[in-house]
Amino acid sequence: MNPEYIEASRQYFVGWGTLMLINAVLAQGKNRSGLVWFFISLFIGPFATLILALIPKLPESR
């Protein structure tokens, strides 16, 4: 295999994993489950970020 291909693949997965963590933190900031959004981001990635940016923050529960 080409070493450049391996490096590009590694960068892709690191970037996707970082996006998953960002989405989890963003979800928690909107009082939603970070773990659920972490796994949603695994499948739909940047679209999950868009959804999280557009949905309103839930009121805090007591």
N, C-alpha and C. Protein backbone atom coordinates (compact mmCIF):
# COMPACT_ATOMS: atom_id res chain seq x y z
N MET A 1 0.84 -1.19 0.00
CA MET A 1 0.00 0.00 0.00
C MET A 1 0.88 1.25 0.00
N ASN A 2 0.35 2.26 -0.55
CA ASN A 2 1.03 3.54 -0.63
C ASN A 2 1.03 4.23 0.74
N PRO A 3 2.18 4.64 1.26
CA PRO A 3 2.23 5.30 2.58
C PRO A 3 1.40 6.59 2.63
N GLU A 4 1.29 7.29 1.51
CA GLU A 4 0.48 8.52 1.49
C GLU A 4 -0.99 8.19 1.69
N TYR A 5 -1.44 7.07 1.14
CA TYR A 5 -2.83 6.65 1.29
C TYR A 5 -3.12 6.30 2.75
N ILE A 6 -2.18 5.62 3.38
CA ILE A 6 -2.35 5.25 4.79
C ILE A 6 -2.43 6.50 5.66
N GLU A 7 -1.57 7.47 5.39
CA GLU A 7 -1.55 8.71 6.17
C GLU A 7 -2.85 9.49 5.97
N ALA A 8 -3.36 9.53 4.74
CA ALA A 8 -4.61 10.24 4.46
C ALA A 8 -5.77 9.56 5.19
N SER A 9 -5.77 8.24 5.22
CA SER A 9 -6.82 7.51 5.91
C SER A 9 -6.78 7.79 7.41
N ARG A 10 -5.58 7.83 7.96
CA ARG A 10 -5.42 8.10 9.39
C ARG A 10 -5.94 9.50 9.72
N GLN A 11 -5.62 10.47 8.89
CA GLN A 11 -6.08 11.84 9.13
C GLN A 11 -7.61 11.92 9.05
N TYR A 12 -8.19 11.18 8.13
CA TYR A 12 -9.65 11.16 7.99
C TYR A 12 -10.30 10.64 9.27
N PHE A 13 -9.80 9.55 9.81
CA PHE A 13 -10.39 8.96 11.01
C PHE A 13 -10.15 9.82 12.24
N VAL A 14 -9.01 10.46 12.33
CA VAL A 14 -8.75 11.37 13.45
C VAL A 14 -9.70 12.56 13.38
N GLY A 15 -9.91 13.09 12.19
CA GLY A 15 -10.82 14.22 12.02
C GLY A 15 -12.26 13.84 12.35
N TRP A 16 -12.67 12.66 11.90
CA TRP A 16 -14.05 12.21 12.17
C TRP A 16 -14.24 11.98 13.66
N GLY A 17 -13.25 11.40 14.32
CA GLY A 17 -13.33 11.17 15.77
C GLY A 17 -13.39 12.48 16.54
N THR A 18 -12.62 13.46 16.08
CA THR A 18 -12.65 14.78 16.73
C THR A 18 -14.02 15.41 16.57
N LEU A 19 -14.60 15.28 15.40
CA LEU A 19 -15.94 15.82 15.16
C LEU A 19 -16.97 15.14 16.07
N MET A 20 -16.81 13.85 16.30
CA MET A 20 -17.72 13.13 17.19
C MET A 20 -17.64 13.69 18.60
N LEU A 21 -16.43 13.97 19.07
CA LEU A 21 -16.26 14.54 20.41
C LEU A 21 -16.84 15.95 20.49
N ILE A 22 -16.62 16.75 19.46
CA ILE A 22 -17.17 18.11 19.43
C ILE A 22 -18.69 18.06 19.48
N ASN A 23 -19.28 17.15 18.73
CA ASN A 23 -20.74 17.04 18.73
C ASN A 23 -21.28 16.59 20.09
N ALA A 24 -20.56 15.71 20.76
CA ALA A 24 -20.98 15.27 22.10
C ALA A 24 -20.98 16.44 23.08
N VAL A 25 -19.95 17.26 23.02
CA VAL A 25 -19.87 18.43 23.90
C VAL A 25 -20.95 19.44 23.55
N LEU A 26 -21.17 19.66 22.26
CA LEU A 26 -22.22 20.58 21.81
C LEU A 26 -23.59 20.11 22.28
N ALA A 27 -23.84 18.80 22.20
CA ALA A 27 -25.12 18.25 22.65
C ALA A 27 -25.30 18.44 24.15
N GLN A 28 -24.26 18.21 24.92
CA GLN A 28 -24.36 18.39 26.37
C GLN A 28 -24.62 19.85 26.72
N GLY A 29 -24.07 20.75 25.93
CA GLY A 29 -24.32 22.17 26.15
C GLY A 29 -25.75 22.56 25.89
N LYS A 30 -26.46 21.72 25.13
CA LYS A 30 -27.88 21.97 24.85
C LYS A 30 -28.77 21.04 25.67
N ASN A 31 -28.21 20.51 26.76
CA ASN A 31 -28.92 19.62 27.69
C ASN A 31 -29.47 18.37 27.01
N ARG A 32 -28.69 17.82 26.12
CA ARG A 32 -29.03 16.57 25.44
C ARG A 32 -27.95 15.54 25.73
N SER A 33 -28.22 14.29 25.45
CA SER A 33 -27.28 13.22 25.77
C SER A 33 -26.05 13.29 24.85
N GLY A 34 -24.91 13.52 25.45
CA GLY A 34 -23.67 13.56 24.68
C GLY A 34 -23.31 12.21 24.10
N LEU A 35 -23.57 11.14 24.85
CA LEU A 35 -23.25 9.79 24.38
C LEU A 35 -24.08 9.41 23.15
N VAL A 36 -25.36 9.74 23.19
CA VAL A 36 -26.23 9.45 22.05
C VAL A 36 -25.75 10.21 20.81
N TRP A 37 -25.46 11.49 20.98
CA TRP A 37 -25.01 12.29 19.85
C TRP A 37 -23.62 11.90 19.39
N PHE A 38 -22.80 11.36 20.28
CA PHE A 38 -21.49 10.83 19.89
C PHE A 38 -21.68 9.72 18.87
N PHE A 39 -22.60 8.80 19.15
CA PHE A 39 -22.82 7.67 18.24
C PHE A 39 -23.59 8.08 16.99
N ILE A 40 -24.49 9.05 17.11
CA ILE A 40 -25.17 9.57 15.92
C ILE A 40 -24.13 10.17 14.98
N SER A 41 -23.16 10.87 15.54
CA SER A 41 -22.10 11.50 14.74
C SER A 41 -21.23 10.47 14.04
N LEU A 42 -21.14 9.29 14.60
CA LEU A 42 -20.38 8.22 13.96
C LEU A 42 -20.93 7.94 12.57
N PHE A 43 -22.25 8.03 12.42
CA PHE A 43 -22.89 7.69 11.15
C PHE A 43 -23.15 8.89 10.25
N ILE A 44 -23.52 10.03 10.82
CA ILE A 44 -23.89 11.16 9.96
C ILE A 44 -22.98 12.36 10.11
N GLY A 45 -21.98 12.27 10.96
CA GLY A 45 -20.91 13.26 11.10
C GLY A 45 -21.30 14.72 11.02
N PRO A 46 -20.92 15.40 9.94
CA PRO A 46 -21.16 16.84 9.83
C PRO A 46 -22.64 17.21 9.84
N PHE A 47 -23.49 16.29 9.40
CA PHE A 47 -24.93 16.57 9.43
C PHE A 47 -25.44 16.64 10.87
N ALA A 48 -24.83 15.84 11.75
CA ALA A 48 -25.19 15.91 13.17
C ALA A 48 -24.82 17.27 13.74
N THR A 49 -23.69 17.82 13.31
CA THR A 49 -23.28 19.14 13.76
C THR A 49 -24.30 20.18 13.33
N LEU A 50 -24.75 20.09 12.10
CA LEU A 50 -25.76 21.01 11.58
C LEU A 50 -27.06 20.89 12.37
N ILE A 51 -27.49 19.68 12.62
CA ILE A 51 -28.73 19.46 13.39
C ILE A 51 -28.59 20.05 14.79
N LEU A 52 -27.46 19.78 15.44
CA LEU A 52 -27.24 20.30 16.79
C LEU A 52 -27.20 21.83 16.80
N ALA A 53 -26.67 22.41 15.76
CA ALA A 53 -26.60 23.88 15.70
C ALA A 53 -27.98 24.48 15.53
N LEU A 54 -28.90 23.77 14.91
CA LEU A 54 -30.22 24.32 14.61
C LEU A 54 -31.28 24.02 15.68
N ILE A 55 -31.10 22.97 16.46
CA ILE A 55 -32.12 22.63 17.46
C ILE A 55 -31.97 23.54 18.68
N PRO A 56 -33.10 23.84 19.31
CA PRO A 56 -33.03 24.73 20.50
C PRO A 56 -32.53 23.97 21.73
N LYS A 57 -32.05 24.73 22.67
CA LYS A 57 -31.59 24.17 23.94
C LYS A 57 -32.79 23.72 24.76
N LEU A 58 -32.68 22.54 25.36
CA LEU A 58 -33.76 22.05 26.23
C LEU A 58 -33.68 22.76 27.58
N PRO A 59 -34.84 23.02 28.19
CA PRO A 59 -34.79 23.61 29.53
C PRO A 59 -34.18 22.60 30.52
N GLU A 60 -33.50 23.11 31.52
CA GLU A 60 -32.87 22.22 32.50
C GLU A 60 -33.93 21.56 33.35
N SER A 61 -33.72 20.26 33.60
CA SER A 61 -34.65 19.52 34.47
C SER A 61 -34.14 19.61 35.90
N ARG A 62 -35.04 19.52 36.83
CA ARG A 62 -34.67 19.61 38.25
C ARG A 62 -34.58 18.29 38.87
